[in-house]
Amino acid sequence: MTNENSSLKELFDDMGELFSNTFNENLLPKTNGIKNTKETNCSICFETISGYGNNAEPINSGICCDACNYASVIPKRLDLLSNNLK
């Protein structure tokens, strides 16, 4: 594992610990058991998204699928954050 990947893993671990310690179900939006059944397309890979999707910022201003969120959006956000901390 490279030093950069090791640093990212540590950052994710720290974030996971932070969120698990502060998570509160009362902060989740109230859906009353209703699920979003509207289908839309991911603004990054254009695959069909079933459900709410994810905010695709800073990649673009659309909605993205979970795969693009994890592969593109979150790493870009972390990169921007780490560059701002330097």
Foldseek 3Di string as FASTA:
>chain_A
DDPVVVVVVVVVVVVVVVCVVVPDPVPDDDDVPDWQQDWAAAPPPRHIDGGDADQQPPVDRDGHHPVCCVVPRVVVVVVVVVVVVD
